[in-house]
Amino acid sequence: MRRHSHAFYDDIVGYEPTAQIYRTNSAAAARRVHELIEEGVQTGAFRALNGHFAAHVVAVTIDAVQSGILLERTGLTAGDAFSELGDLLLDGLSAGQGTSEPPSMAVRSPGGQVSAPR
């Protein structure tokens, strides 16, 4: 999705047959995220949390990307938004491996560059 323009994405979600396919795929993605989280919690790779809640956060975010509201408010492309979501999930789910340091305060620009906070 990162390679597609905003106009292309608007066309996908603005045409009902492709919008339905997108919604179906989005629901399947949320279900799969839930399964992966549950598996990760069971193996100890992820900290224990409510996988159902996390999957719904993913679904809501997908909907916000699809509606355009998240893209408009952040300036991200759909691909970048999904990449950011993946980073948030993985960092938030991490079992921590014994570290007690707070998360990085680095800021990522819409282009993906990381910088220190101001």
PDB file of N, CA and C in Angstrom:
ATOM      1  N   MET A   1       0.824  -1.195   0.000  1.00  0.00           N
ATOM      2  CA  MET A   1       0.000   0.000   0.000  1.00  0.00           C
ATOM      3  C   MET A   1       0.868   1.258   0.000  1.00  0.00           C
ATOM      4  N   ARG A   2       2.093   1.149   0.451  1.00  0.00           N
ATOM      5  CA  ARG A   2       2.956   2.317   0.536  1.00  0.00           C
ATOM      6  C   ARG A   2       3.210   2.918  -0.844  1.00  0.00           C
ATOM      7  N   ARG A   3       3.199   2.094  -1.882  1.00  0.00           N
ATOM      8  CA  ARG A   3       3.505   2.582  -3.232  1.00  0.00           C
ATOM      9  C   ARG A   3       2.313   3.262  -3.887  1.00  0.00           C
ATOM     10  N   HIS A   4       1.145   3.150  -3.316  1.00  0.00           N
ATOM     11  CA  HIS A   4      -0.059   3.690  -3.947  1.00  0.00           C
ATOM     12  C   HIS A   4      -0.305   5.123  -3.517  1.00  0.00           C
ATOM     13  N   SER A   5      -0.802   5.917  -4.456  1.00  0.00           N
ATOM     14  CA  SER A   5      -1.113   7.319  -4.162  1.00  0.00           C
ATOM     15  C   SER A   5      -2.420   7.405  -3.371  1.00  0.00           C
ATOM     16  N   HIS A   6      -2.642   8.582  -2.797  1.00  0.00           N
ATOM     17  CA  HIS A   6      -3.908   8.815  -2.098  1.00  0.00           C
ATOM     18  C   HIS A   6      -5.085   8.666  -3.058  1.00  0.00           C
ATOM     19  N   ALA A   7      -4.921   9.130  -4.286  1.00  0.00           N
ATOM     20  CA  ALA A   7      -6.007   9.031  -5.277  1.00  0.00           C
ATOM     21  C   ALA A   7      -6.332   7.567  -5.573  1.00  0.00           C
ATOM     22  N   PHE A   8      -5.313   6.740  -5.710  1.00  0.00           N
ATOM     23  CA  PHE A   8      -5.531   5.314  -5.955  1.00  0.00           C
ATOM     24  C   PHE A   8      -6.291   4.693  -4.792  1.00  0.00           C
ATOM     25  N   TYR A   9      -5.856   5.004  -3.578  1.00  0.00           N
ATOM     26  CA  TYR A   9      -6.514   4.476  -2.392  1.00  0.00           C
ATOM     27  C   TYR A   9      -7.964   4.962  -2.324  1.00  0.00           C
ATOM     28  N   ASP A  10      -8.189   6.233  -2.618  1.00  0.00           N
ATOM     29  CA  ASP A  10      -9.556   6.767  -2.633  1.00  0.00           C
ATOM     30  C   ASP A  10     -10.425   6.015  -3.635  1.00  0.00           C
ATOM     31  N   ASP A  11      -9.854   5.670  -4.774  1.00  0.00           N
ATOM     32  CA  ASP A  11     -10.594   4.904  -5.779  1.00  0.00           C
ATOM     33  C   ASP A  11     -10.961   3.507  -5.254  1.00  0.00           C
ATOM     34  N   ILE A  12     -10.036   2.885  -4.561  1.00  0.00           N
ATOM     35  CA  ILE A  12     -10.297   1.544  -4.007  1.00  0.00           C
ATOM     36  C   ILE A  12     -11.471   1.582  -3.041  1.00  0.00           C
ATOM     37  N   VAL A  13     -11.434   2.511  -2.109  1.00  0.00           N
ATOM     38  CA  VAL A  13     -12.477   2.547  -1.078  1.00  0.00           C
ATOM     39  C   VAL A  13     -13.739   3.263  -1.548  1.00  0.00           C
ATOM     40  N   GLY A  14     -13.651   4.004  -2.638  1.00  0.00           N
ATOM     41  CA  GLY A  14     -14.815   4.717  -3.157  1.00  0.00           C
ATOM     42  C   GLY A  14     -15.676   3.915  -4.112  1.00  0.00           C
ATOM     43  N   TYR A  15     -15.179   2.800  -4.588  1.00  0.00           N
ATOM     44  CA  TYR A  15     -15.906   1.935  -5.519  1.00  0.00           C
ATOM     45  C   TYR A  15     -16.398   0.730  -4.717  1.00  0.00           C
ATOM     46  N   GLU A  16     -17.712   0.575  -4.614  1.00  0.00           N
ATOM     47  CA  GLU A  16     -18.297  -0.398  -3.683  1.00  0.00           C
ATOM     48  C   GLU A  16     -17.753  -1.822  -3.816  1.00  0.00           C
ATOM     49  N   PRO A  17     -17.601  -2.381  -5.015  1.00  0.00           N
ATOM     50  CA  PRO A  17     -17.068  -3.752  -5.093  1.00  0.00           C
ATOM     51  C   PRO A  17     -15.664  -3.885  -4.480  1.00  0.00           C
ATOM     52  N   THR A  18     -14.779  -2.937  -4.754  1.00  0.00           N
ATOM     53  CA  THR A  18     -13.441  -3.033  -4.161  1.00  0.00           C
ATOM     54  C   THR A  18     -13.458  -2.653  -2.688  1.00  0.00           C
ATOM     55  N   ALA A  19     -14.353  -1.748  -2.311  1.00  0.00           N
ATOM     56  CA  ALA A  19     -14.472  -1.393  -0.891  1.00  0.00           C
ATOM     57  C   ALA A  19     -14.925  -2.605  -0.073  1.00  0.00           C
ATOM     58  N   GLN A  20     -15.838  -3.404  -0.616  1.00  0.00           N
ATOM     59  CA  GLN A  20     -16.294  -4.614   0.075  1.00  0.00           C
ATOM     60  C   GLN A  20     -15.150  -5.609   0.238  1.00  0.00           C
ATOM     61  N   ILE A  21     -14.356  -5.774  -0.807  1.00  0.00           N
ATOM     62  CA  ILE A  21     -13.189  -6.670  -0.715  1.00  0.00           C
ATOM     63  C   ILE A  21     -12.231  -6.158   0.356  1.00  0.00           C
ATOM     64  N   TYR A  22     -12.002  -4.865   0.387  1.00  0.00           N
ATOM     65  CA  TYR A  22     -11.111  -4.261   1.369  1.00  0.00           C
ATOM     66  C   TYR A  22     -11.634  -4.507   2.783  1.00  0.00           C
ATOM     67  N   ARG A  23     -12.953  -4.330   2.989  1.00  0.00           N
ATOM     68  CA  ARG A  23     -13.545  -4.566   4.314  1.00  0.00           C
ATOM     69  C   ARG A  23     -13.413  -6.031   4.716  1.00  0.00           C
ATOM     70  N   THR A  24     -13.637  -6.936   3.779  1.00  0.00           N
ATOM     71  CA  THR A  24     -13.506  -8.375   4.060  1.00  0.00           C
ATOM     72  C   THR A  24     -12.073  -8.703   4.452  1.00  0.00           C
ATOM     73  N   ASN A  25     -11.123  -8.177   3.706  1.00  0.00           N
ATOM     74  CA  ASN A  25      -9.715  -8.417   4.025  1.00  0.00           C
ATOM     75  C   ASN A  25      -9.323  -7.782   5.353  1.00  0.00           C
ATOM     76  N   SER A  26      -9.870  -6.615   5.651  1.00  0.00           N
ATOM     77  CA  SER A  26      -9.577  -5.951   6.915  1.00  0.00           C
ATOM     78  C   SER A  26     -10.084  -6.770   8.095  1.00  0.00           C
ATOM     79  N   ALA A  27     -11.273  -7.325   7.967  1.00  0.00           N
ATOM     80  CA  ALA A  27     -11.825  -8.169   9.044  1.00  0.00           C
ATOM     81  C   ALA A  27     -10.977  -9.419   9.221  1.00  0.00           C
ATOM     82  N   ALA A  28     -10.543 -10.010   8.121  1.00  0.00           N
ATOM     83  CA  ALA A  28      -9.680 -11.202   8.198  1.00  0.00           C
ATOM     84  C   ALA A  28      -8.347 -10.843   8.849  1.00  0.00           C
ATOM     85  N   ALA A  29      -7.814  -9.676   8.537  1.00  0.00           N
ATOM     86  CA  ALA A  29      -6.548  -9.247   9.138  1.00  0.00           C
ATOM     87  C   ALA A  29      -6.695  -9.076  10.643  1.00  0.00           C
ATOM     88  N   ALA A  30      -7.793  -8.476  11.086  1.00  0.00           N
ATOM     89  CA  ALA A  30      -8.020  -8.301  12.523  1.00  0.00           C
ATOM     90  C   ALA A  30      -8.140  -9.644  13.224  1.00  0.00           C
ATOM     91  N   ARG A  31      -8.824 -10.598  12.601  1.00  0.00           N
ATOM     92  CA  ARG A  31      -8.926 -11.942  13.200  1.00  0.00           C
ATOM     93  C   ARG A  31      -7.551 -12.588  13.301  1.00  0.00           C
ATOM     94  N   ARG A  32      -6.758 -12.442  12.254  1.00  0.00           N
ATOM     95  CA  ARG A  32      -5.426 -13.051  12.257  1.00  0.00           C
ATOM     96  C   ARG A  32      -4.523 -12.392  13.294  1.00  0.00           C
ATOM     97  N   VAL A  33      -4.623 -11.083  13.450  1.00  0.00           N
ATOM     98  CA  VAL A  33      -3.848 -10.397  14.485  1.00  0.00           C
ATOM     99  C   VAL A  33      -4.220 -10.951  15.851  1.00  0.00           C
ATOM    100  N   HIS A  34      -5.503 -11.169  16.087  1.00  0.00           N
ATOM    101  CA  HIS A  34      -5.949 -11.736  17.356  1.00  0.00           C
ATOM    102  C   HIS A  34      -5.317 -13.110  17.577  1.00  0.00           C
ATOM    103  N   GLU A  35      -5.334 -13.942  16.554  1.00  0.00           N
ATOM    104  CA  GLU A  35      -4.727 -15.281  16.662  1.00  0.00           C
ATOM    105  C   GLU A  35      -3.235 -15.180  16.960  1.00  0.00           C
ATOM    106  N   LEU A  36      -2.541 -14.310  16.259  1.00  0.00           N
ATOM    107  CA  LEU A  36      -1.101 -14.159  16.472  1.00  0.00           C
ATOM    108  C   LEU A  36      -0.780 -13.648  17.871  1.00  0.00           C
ATOM    109  N   ILE A  37      -1.588 -12.725  18.359  1.00  0.00           N
ATOM    110  CA  ILE A  37      -1.375 -12.211  19.714  1.00  0.00           C
ATOM    111  C   ILE A  37      -1.577 -13.325  20.728  1.00  0.00           C
ATOM    112  N   GLU A  38      -2.639 -14.078  20.580  1.00  0.00           N
ATOM    113  CA  GLU A  38      -2.898 -15.185  21.511  1.00  0.00           C
ATOM    114  C   GLU A  38      -1.754 -16.199  21.495  1.00  0.00           C
ATOM    115  N   GLU A  39      -1.269 -16.533  20.300  1.00  0.00           N
ATOM    116  CA  GLU A  39      -0.139 -17.459  20.192  1.00  0.00           C
ATOM    117  C   GLU A  39       1.106 -16.875  20.855  1.00  0.00           C
ATOM    118  N   GLY A  40       1.362 -15.599  20.634  1.00  0.00           N
ATOM    119  CA  GLY A  40       2.518 -14.942  21.241  1.00  0.00           C
ATOM    120  C   GLY A  40       2.451 -14.896  22.745  1.00  0.00           C
ATOM    121  N   VAL A  41       1.260 -14.662  23.290  1.00  0.00           N
ATOM    122  CA  VAL A  41       1.080 -14.659  24.744  1.00  0.00           C
ATOM    123  C   VAL A  41       1.325 -16.061  25.299  1.00  0.00           C
ATOM    124  N   GLN A  42       0.787 -17.074  24.634  1.00  0.00           N
ATOM    125  CA  GLN A  42       0.949 -18.457  25.091  1.00  0.00           C
ATOM    126  C   GLN A  42       2.405 -18.896  25.084  1.00  0.00           C
ATOM    127  N   THR A  43       3.194 -18.426  24.122  1.00  0.00           N
ATOM    128  CA  THR A  43       4.596 -18.828  24.043  1.00  0.00           C
ATOM    129  C   THR A  43       5.509 -17.945  24.883  1.00  0.00           C
ATOM    130  N   GLY A  44       4.980 -16.857  25.415  1.00  0.00           N
ATOM    131  CA  GLY A  44       5.791 -15.948  26.218  1.00  0.00           C
ATOM    132  C   GLY A  44       6.494 -14.879  25.404  1.00  0.00           C
ATOM    133  N   ALA A  45       6.293 -14.866  24.093  1.00  0.00           N
ATOM    134  CA  ALA A  45       6.909 -13.838  23.250  1.00  0.00           C
ATOM    135  C   ALA A  45       6.271 -12.473  23.492  1.00  0.00           C
ATOM    136  N   PHE A  46       4.978 -12.476  23.838  1.00  0.00           N
ATOM    137  CA  PHE A  46       4.254 -11.240  24.122  1.00  0.00           C
ATOM    138  C   PHE A  46       3.817 -11.260  25.578  1.00  0.00           C
ATOM    139  N   ARG A  47       3.717 -10.067  26.132  1.00  0.00           N
ATOM    140  CA  ARG A  47       3.204  -9.982  27.499  1.00  0.00           C
ATOM    141  C   ARG A  47       1.715 -10.286  27.490  1.00  0.00           C
ATOM    142  N   ALA A  48       1.219 -10.742  28.614  1.00  0.00           N
ATOM    143  CA  ALA A  48      -0.197 -11.104  28.707  1.00  0.00           C
ATOM    144  C   ALA A  48      -1.050  -9.846  28.618  1.00  0.00           C
ATOM    145  N   LEU A  49      -1.969  -9.855  27.685  1.00  0.00           N
ATOM    146  CA  LEU A  49      -2.924  -8.775  27.548  1.00  0.00           C
ATOM    147  C   LEU A  49      -4.149  -9.303  26.835  1.00  0.00           C
ATOM    148  N   ASN A  50      -5.117  -8.480  26.682  1.00  0.00           N
ATOM    149  CA  ASN A  50      -6.360  -8.887  26.052  1.00  0.00           C
ATOM    150  C   ASN A  50      -6.202  -8.823  24.537  1.00  0.00           C
ATOM    151  N   GLY A  51      -5.975  -9.970  23.921  1.00  0.00           N
ATOM    152  CA  GLY A  51      -5.772 -10.031  22.477  1.00  0.00           C
ATOM    153  C   GLY A  51      -6.995  -9.603  21.702  1.00  0.00           C
ATOM    154  N   HIS A  52      -8.167  -9.853  22.259  1.00  0.00           N
ATOM    155  CA  HIS A  52      -9.410  -9.444  21.598  1.00  0.00           C
ATOM    156  C   HIS A  52      -9.467  -7.924  21.499  1.00  0.00           C
ATOM    157  N   PHE A  53      -9.073  -7.240  22.574  1.00  0.00           N
ATOM    158  CA  PHE A  53      -9.042  -5.778  22.563  1.00  0.00           C
ATOM    159  C   PHE A  53      -8.047  -5.270  21.528  1.00  0.00           C
ATOM    160  N   ALA A  54      -6.841  -5.836  21.530  1.00  0.00           N
ATOM    161  CA  ALA A  54      -5.815  -5.406  20.576  1.00  0.00           C
ATOM    162  C   ALA A  54      -6.286  -5.609  19.138  1.00  0.00           C
ATOM    163  N   ALA A  55      -6.966  -6.725  18.877  1.00  0.00           N
ATOM    164  CA  ALA A  55      -7.481  -6.984  17.532  1.00  0.00           C
ATOM    165  C   ALA A  55      -8.525  -5.942  17.142  1.00  0.00           C
ATOM    166  N   HIS A  56      -9.336  -5.520  18.099  1.00  0.00           N
ATOM    167  CA  HIS A  56     -10.333  -4.480  17.800  1.00  0.00           C
ATOM    168  C   HIS A  56      -9.664  -3.130  17.563  1.00  0.00           C
ATOM    169  N   VAL A  57      -8.574  -2.851  18.276  1.00  0.00           N
ATOM    170  CA  VAL A  57      -7.825  -1.624  18.016  1.00  0.00           C
ATOM    171  C   VAL A  57      -7.316  -1.643  16.574  1.00  0.00           C
ATOM    172  N   VAL A  58      -6.824  -2.799  16.143  1.00  0.00           N
ATOM    173  CA  VAL A  58      -6.370  -2.944  14.761  1.00  0.00           C
ATOM    174  C   VAL A  58      -7.537  -2.705  13.800  1.00  0.00           C
ATOM    175  N   ALA A  59      -8.684  -3.305  14.079  1.00  0.00           N
ATOM    176  CA  ALA A  59      -9.851  -3.147  13.199  1.00  0.00           C
ATOM    177  C   ALA A  59     -10.297  -1.690  13.127  1.00  0.00           C
ATOM    178  N   VAL A  60     -10.326  -1.006  14.261  1.00  0.00           N
ATOM    179  CA  VAL A  60     -10.725   0.400  14.284  1.00  0.00           C
ATOM    180  C   VAL A  60      -9.721   1.238  13.499  1.00  0.00           C
ATOM    181  N   THR A  61      -8.448   0.926  13.646  1.00  0.00           N
ATOM    182  CA  THR A  61      -7.425   1.664  12.909  1.00  0.00           C
ATOM    183  C   THR A  61      -7.559   1.423  11.411  1.00  0.00           C
ATOM    184  N   ILE A  62      -7.809   0.183  11.030  1.00  0.00           N
ATOM    185  CA  ILE A  62      -8.024  -0.115   9.610  1.00  0.00           C
ATOM    186  C   ILE A  62      -9.209   0.681   9.087  1.00  0.00           C
ATOM    187  N   ASP A  63     -10.282   0.734   9.846  1.00  0.00           N
ATOM    188  CA  ASP A  63     -11.454   1.519   9.440  1.00  0.00           C
ATOM    189  C   ASP A  63     -11.112   3.001   9.304  1.00  0.00           C
ATOM    190  N   ALA A  64     -10.298   3.513  10.240  1.00  0.00           N
ATOM    191  CA  ALA A  64      -9.919   4.927  10.188  1.00  0.00           C
ATOM    192  C   ALA A  64      -9.025   5.222   8.994  1.00  0.00           C
ATOM    193  N   VAL A  65      -8.194   4.252   8.616  1.00  0.00           N
ATOM    194  CA  VAL A  65      -7.395   4.412   7.404  1.00  0.00           C
ATOM    195  C   VAL A  65      -8.320   4.372   6.195  1.00  0.00           C
ATOM    196  N   GLN A  66      -9.229   3.395   6.175  1.00  0.00           N
ATOM    197  CA  GLN A  66     -10.134   3.243   5.035  1.00  0.00           C
ATOM    198  C   GLN A  66     -11.013   4.472   4.850  1.00  0.00           C
ATOM    199  N   SER A  67     -11.494   5.045   5.929  1.00  0.00           N
ATOM    200  CA  SER A  67     -12.353   6.229   5.818  1.00  0.00           C
ATOM    201  C   SER A  67     -11.563   7.458   5.392  1.00  0.00           C
ATOM    202  N   GLY A  68     -10.247   7.410   5.576  1.00  0.00           N
ATOM    203  CA  GLY A  68      -9.398   8.544   5.228  1.00  0.00           C
ATOM    204  C   GLY A  68      -9.117   9.478   6.376  1.00  0.00           C
ATOM    205  N   ILE A  69      -9.866   9.349   7.462  1.00  0.00           N
ATOM    206  CA  ILE A  69      -9.709  10.296   8.569  1.00  0.00           C
ATOM    207  C   ILE A  69      -8.329  10.215   9.204  1.00  0.00           C
ATOM    208  N   LEU A  70      -7.807   9.021   9.367  1.00  0.00           N
ATOM    209  CA  LEU A  70      -6.484   8.871   9.976  1.00  0.00           C
ATOM    210  C   LEU A  70      -5.397   9.388   9.039  1.00  0.00           C
ATOM    211  N   LEU A  71      -5.565   9.135   7.761  1.00  0.00           N
ATOM    212  CA  LEU A  71      -4.582   9.615   6.787  1.00  0.00           C
ATOM    213  C   LEU A  71      -4.595  11.136   6.716  1.00  0.00           C
ATOM    214  N   GLU A  72      -5.780  11.704   6.727  1.00  0.00           N
ATOM    215  CA  GLU A  72      -5.923  13.162   6.666  1.00  0.00           C
ATOM    216  C   GLU A  72      -5.306  13.823   7.898  1.00  0.00           C
ATOM    217  N   ARG A  73      -5.539  13.238   9.055  1.00  0.00           N
ATOM    218  CA  ARG A  73      -5.058  13.848  10.302  1.00  0.00           C
ATOM    219  C   ARG A  73      -3.567  13.654  10.528  1.00  0.00           C
ATOM    220  N   THR A  74      -2.983  12.621   9.920  1.00  0.00           N
ATOM    221  CA  THR A  74      -1.564  12.348  10.145  1.00  0.00           C
ATOM    222  C   THR A  74      -0.675  12.680   8.962  1.00  0.00           C
ATOM    223  N   GLY A  75      -1.257  12.759   7.764  1.00  0.00           N
ATOM    224  CA  GLY A  75      -0.468  12.983   6.569  1.00  0.00           C
ATOM    225  C   GLY A  75       0.236  11.730   6.077  1.00  0.00           C
ATOM    226  N   LEU A  76      -0.047  10.596   6.683  1.00  0.00           N
ATOM    227  CA  LEU A  76       0.571   9.336   6.281  1.00  0.00           C
ATOM    228  C   LEU A  76      -0.151   8.732   5.087  1.00  0.00           C
ATOM    229  N   THR A  77       0.552   7.895   4.348  1.00  0.00           N
ATOM    230  CA  THR A  77      -0.101   7.069   3.348  1.00  0.00           C
ATOM    231  C   THR A  77      -0.690   5.867   4.073  1.00  0.00           C
ATOM    232  N   ALA A  78      -1.546   5.116   3.407  1.00  0.00           N
ATOM    233  CA  ALA A  78      -2.103   3.909   4.019  1.00  0.00           C
ATOM    234  C   ALA A  78      -0.992   2.938   4.393  1.00  0.00           C
ATOM    235  N   GLY A  79      -0.034   2.750   3.519  1.00  0.00           N
ATOM    236  CA  GLY A  79       1.073   1.840   3.799  1.00  0.00           C
ATOM    237  C   GLY A  79       1.869   2.270   5.013  1.00  0.00           C
ATOM    238  N   ASP A  80       2.166   3.576   5.093  1.00  0.00           N
ATOM    239  CA  ASP A  80       2.904   4.083   6.251  1.00  0.00           C
ATOM    240  C   ASP A  80       2.092   3.936   7.533  1.00  0.00           C
ATOM    241  N   ALA A  81       0.789   4.180   7.450  1.00  0.00           N
ATOM    242  CA  ALA A  81      -0.064   4.046   8.634  1.00  0.00           C
ATOM    243  C   ALA A  81      -0.062   2.605   9.147  1.00  0.00           C
ATOM    244  N   PHE A  82      -0.145   1.648   8.230  1.00  0.00           N
ATOM    245  CA  PHE A  82      -0.136   0.251   8.649  1.00  0.00           C
ATOM    246  C   PHE A  82       1.229  -0.152   9.204  1.00  0.00           C
ATOM    247  N   SER A  83       2.286   0.408   8.663  1.00  0.00           N
ATOM    248  CA  SER A  83       3.626   0.141   9.189  1.00  0.00           C
ATOM    249  C   SER A  83       3.752   0.683  10.613  1.00  0.00           C
ATOM    250  N   GLU A  84       3.254   1.890  10.827  1.00  0.00           N
ATOM    251  CA  GLU A  84       3.274   2.488  12.165  1.00  0.00           C
ATOM    252  C   GLU A  84       2.444   1.653  13.140  1.00  0.00           C
ATOM    253  N   LEU A  85       1.296   1.187  12.685  1.00  0.00           N
ATOM    254  CA  LEU A  85       0.448   0.349  13.536  1.00  0.00           C
ATOM    255  C   LEU A  85       1.196  -0.915  13.933  1.00  0.00           C
ATOM    256  N   GLY A  86       1.873  -1.527  12.981  1.00  0.00           N
ATOM    257  CA  GLY A  86       2.662  -2.719  13.285  1.00  0.00           C
ATOM    258  C   GLY A  86       3.734  -2.437  14.319  1.00  0.00           C
ATOM    259  N   ASP A  87       4.422  -1.304  14.179  1.00  0.00           N
ATOM    260  CA  ASP A  87       5.444  -0.934  15.157  1.00  0.00           C
ATOM    261  C   ASP A  87       4.837  -0.739  16.544  1.00  0.00           C
ATOM    262  N   LEU A  88       3.714  -0.038  16.605  1.00  0.00           N
ATOM    263  CA  LEU A  88       3.047   0.186  17.892  1.00  0.00           C
ATOM    264  C   LEU A  88       2.654  -1.130  18.551  1.00  0.00           C
ATOM    265  N   LEU A  89       2.083  -2.022  17.761  1.00  0.00           N
ATOM    266  CA  LEU A  89       1.657  -3.313  18.306  1.00  0.00           C
ATOM    267  C   LEU A  89       2.835  -4.118  18.819  1.00  0.00           C
ATOM    268  N   LEU A  90       3.861  -4.247  17.997  1.00  0.00           N
ATOM    269  CA  LEU A  90       4.994  -5.058  18.410  1.00  0.00           C
ATOM    270  C   LEU A  90       5.702  -4.477  19.624  1.00  0.00           C
ATOM    271  N   ASP A  91       5.867  -3.157  19.665  1.00  0.00           N
ATOM    272  CA  ASP A  91       6.492  -2.539  20.831  1.00  0.00           C
ATOM    273  C   ASP A  91       5.612  -2.681  22.066  1.00  0.00           C
ATOM    274  N   GLY A  92       4.305  -2.534  21.898  1.00  0.00           N
ATOM    275  CA  GLY A  92       3.385  -2.640  23.026  1.00  0.00           C
ATOM    276  C   GLY A  92       3.203  -4.063  23.522  1.00  0.00           C
ATOM    277  N   LEU A  93       3.359  -5.030  22.632  1.00  0.00           N
ATOM    278  CA  LEU A  93       3.182  -6.427  23.009  1.00  0.00           C
ATOM    279  C   LEU A  93       4.449  -7.065  23.546  1.00  0.00           C
ATOM    280  N   SER A  94       5.569  -6.452  23.291  1.00  0.00           N
ATOM    281  CA  SER A  94       6.854  -7.039  23.656  1.00  0.00           C
ATOM    282  C   SER A  94       6.873  -7.479  25.108  1.00  0.00           C
ATOM    283  N   ALA A  95       7.400  -8.671  25.324  1.00  0.00           N
ATOM    284  CA  ALA A  95       7.506  -9.202  26.677  1.00  0.00           C
ATOM    285  C   ALA A  95       8.543  -8.440  27.480  1.00  0.00           C
ATOM    286  N   GLY A  96       9.340  -7.603  26.837  1.00  0.00           N
ATOM    287  CA  GLY A  96      10.257  -6.726  27.538  1.00  0.00           C
ATOM    288  C   GLY A  96      11.630  -7.303  27.798  1.00  0.00           C
ATOM    289  N   GLN A  97      11.757  -8.581  27.873  1.00  0.00           N
ATOM    290  CA  GLN A  97      13.038  -9.239  28.109  1.00  0.00           C
ATOM    291  C   GLN A  97      13.823  -8.595  29.235  1.00  0.00           C
ATOM    292  N   GLY A  98      13.115  -8.197  30.310  1.00  0.00           N
ATOM    293  CA  GLY A  98      13.784  -7.735  31.514  1.00  0.00           C
ATOM    294  C   GLY A  98      14.155  -6.271  31.554  1.00  0.00           C
ATOM    295  N   THR A  99      13.907  -5.519  30.550  1.00  0.00           N
ATOM    296  CA  THR A  99      14.256  -4.107  30.576  1.00  0.00           C
ATOM    297  C   THR A  99      13.162  -3.307  31.255  1.00  0.00           C
ATOM    298  N   SER A 100      13.564  -2.323  32.021  1.00  0.00           N
ATOM    299  CA  SER A 100      12.567  -1.469  32.691  1.00  0.00           C
ATOM    300  C   SER A 100      12.670  -0.038  32.199  1.00  0.00           C
ATOM    301  N   GLU A 101      13.442   0.199  31.139  1.00  0.00           N
ATOM    302  CA  GLU A 101      13.562   1.538  30.601  1.00  0.00           C
ATOM    303  C   GLU A 101      12.264   1.963  29.925  1.00  0.00           C
ATOM    304  N   PRO A 102      11.918   3.260  30.028  1.00  0.00           N
ATOM    305  CA  PRO A 102      10.700   3.728  29.341  1.00  0.00           C
ATOM    306  C   PRO A 102      10.896   3.672  27.844  1.00  0.00           C
ATOM    307  N   PRO A 103       9.784   3.624  27.095  1.00  0.00           N
ATOM    308  CA  PRO A 103       9.907   3.591  25.640  1.00  0.00           C
ATOM    309  C   PRO A 103      10.617   4.833  25.119  1.00  0.00           C
ATOM    310  N   SER A 104      11.211   4.714  23.963  1.00  0.00           N
ATOM    311  CA  SER A 104      11.917   5.818  23.343  1.00  0.00           C
ATOM    312  C   SER A 104      10.979   7.000  23.126  1.00  0.00           C
ATOM    313  N   MET A 105      11.515   8.172  23.277  1.00  0.00           N
ATOM    314  CA  MET A 105      10.737   9.383  23.039  1.00  0.00           C
ATOM    315  C   MET A 105      10.972   9.902  21.628  1.00  0.00           C
ATOM    316  N   ALA A 106      11.596   9.093  20.793  1.00  0.00           N
ATOM    317  CA  ALA A 106      11.876   9.503  19.420  1.00  0.00           C
ATOM    318  C   ALA A 106      10.575   9.757  18.674  1.00  0.00           C
ATOM    319  N   VAL A 107      10.640  10.674  17.727  1.00  0.00           N
ATOM    320  CA  VAL A 107       9.480  11.038  16.922  1.00  0.00           C
ATOM    321  C   VAL A 107       9.749  10.613  15.489  1.00  0.00           C
ATOM    322  N   ARG A 108       8.777   9.966  14.867  1.00  0.00           N
ATOM    323  CA  ARG A 108       8.927   9.538  13.477  1.00  0.00           C
ATOM    324  C   ARG A 108       8.108  10.467  12.590  1.00  0.00           C
ATOM    325  N   SER A 109       8.752  11.008  11.576  1.00  0.00           N
ATOM    326  CA  SER A 109       8.058  11.877  10.630  1.00  0.00           C
ATOM    327  C   SER A 109       7.216  11.045   9.687  1.00  0.00           C
ATOM    328  N   PRO A 110       6.260  11.665   8.962  1.00  0.00           N
ATOM    329  CA  PRO A 110       5.461  10.897   8.001  1.00  0.00           C
ATOM    330  C   PRO A 110       6.318  10.158   6.984  1.00  0.00           C
ATOM    331  N   GLY A 111       7.521  10.646   6.703  1.00  0.00           N
ATOM    332  CA  GLY A 111       8.417   9.976   5.771  1.00  0.00           C
ATOM    333  C   GLY A 111       9.185   8.828   6.392  1.00  0.00           C
ATOM    334  N   GLY A 112       9.018   8.616   7.716  1.00  0.00           N
ATOM    335  CA  GLY A 112       9.647   7.497   8.380  1.00  0.00           C
ATOM    336  C   GLY A 112      10.958   7.821   9.076  1.00  0.00           C
ATOM    337  N   GLN A 113      11.418   9.089   9.007  1.00  0.00           N
ATOM    338  CA  GLN A 113      12.664   9.448   9.663  1.00  0.00           C
ATOM    339  C   GLN A 113      12.428   9.638  11.148  1.00  0.00           C
ATOM    340  N   VAL A 114      13.388   9.154  11.945  1.00  0.00           N
ATOM    341  CA  VAL A 114      13.276   9.246  13.399  1.00  0.00           C
ATOM    342  C   VAL A 114      14.122  10.407  13.889  1.00  0.00           C
ATOM    343  N   SER A 115      13.556  11.199  14.811  1.00  0.00           N
ATOM    344  CA  SER A 115      14.290  12.311  15.392  1.00  0.00           C
ATOM    345  C   SER A 115      14.012  12.391  16.873  1.00  0.00           C
ATOM    346  N   ALA A 116      14.868  13.077  17.598  1.00  0.00           N
ATOM    347  CA  ALA A 116      14.676  13.237  19.027  1.00  0.00           C
ATOM    348  C   ALA A 116      13.550  14.230  19.276  1.00  0.00           C
ATOM    349  N   PRO A 117      12.905  14.131  20.435  1.00  0.00           N
ATOM    350  CA  PRO A 117      11.817  15.068  20.739  1.00  0.00           C
ATOM    351  C   PRO A 117      12.359  16.481  20.917  1.00  0.00           C
ATOM    352  N   ARG A 118      11.474  17.442  20.751  1.00  0.00           N
ATOM    353  CA  ARG A 118      11.879  18.853  20.906  1.00  0.00           C
ATOM    354  C   ARG A 118      11.564  19.342  22.276  1.00  0.00           C
TER     355      ARG A 118
END
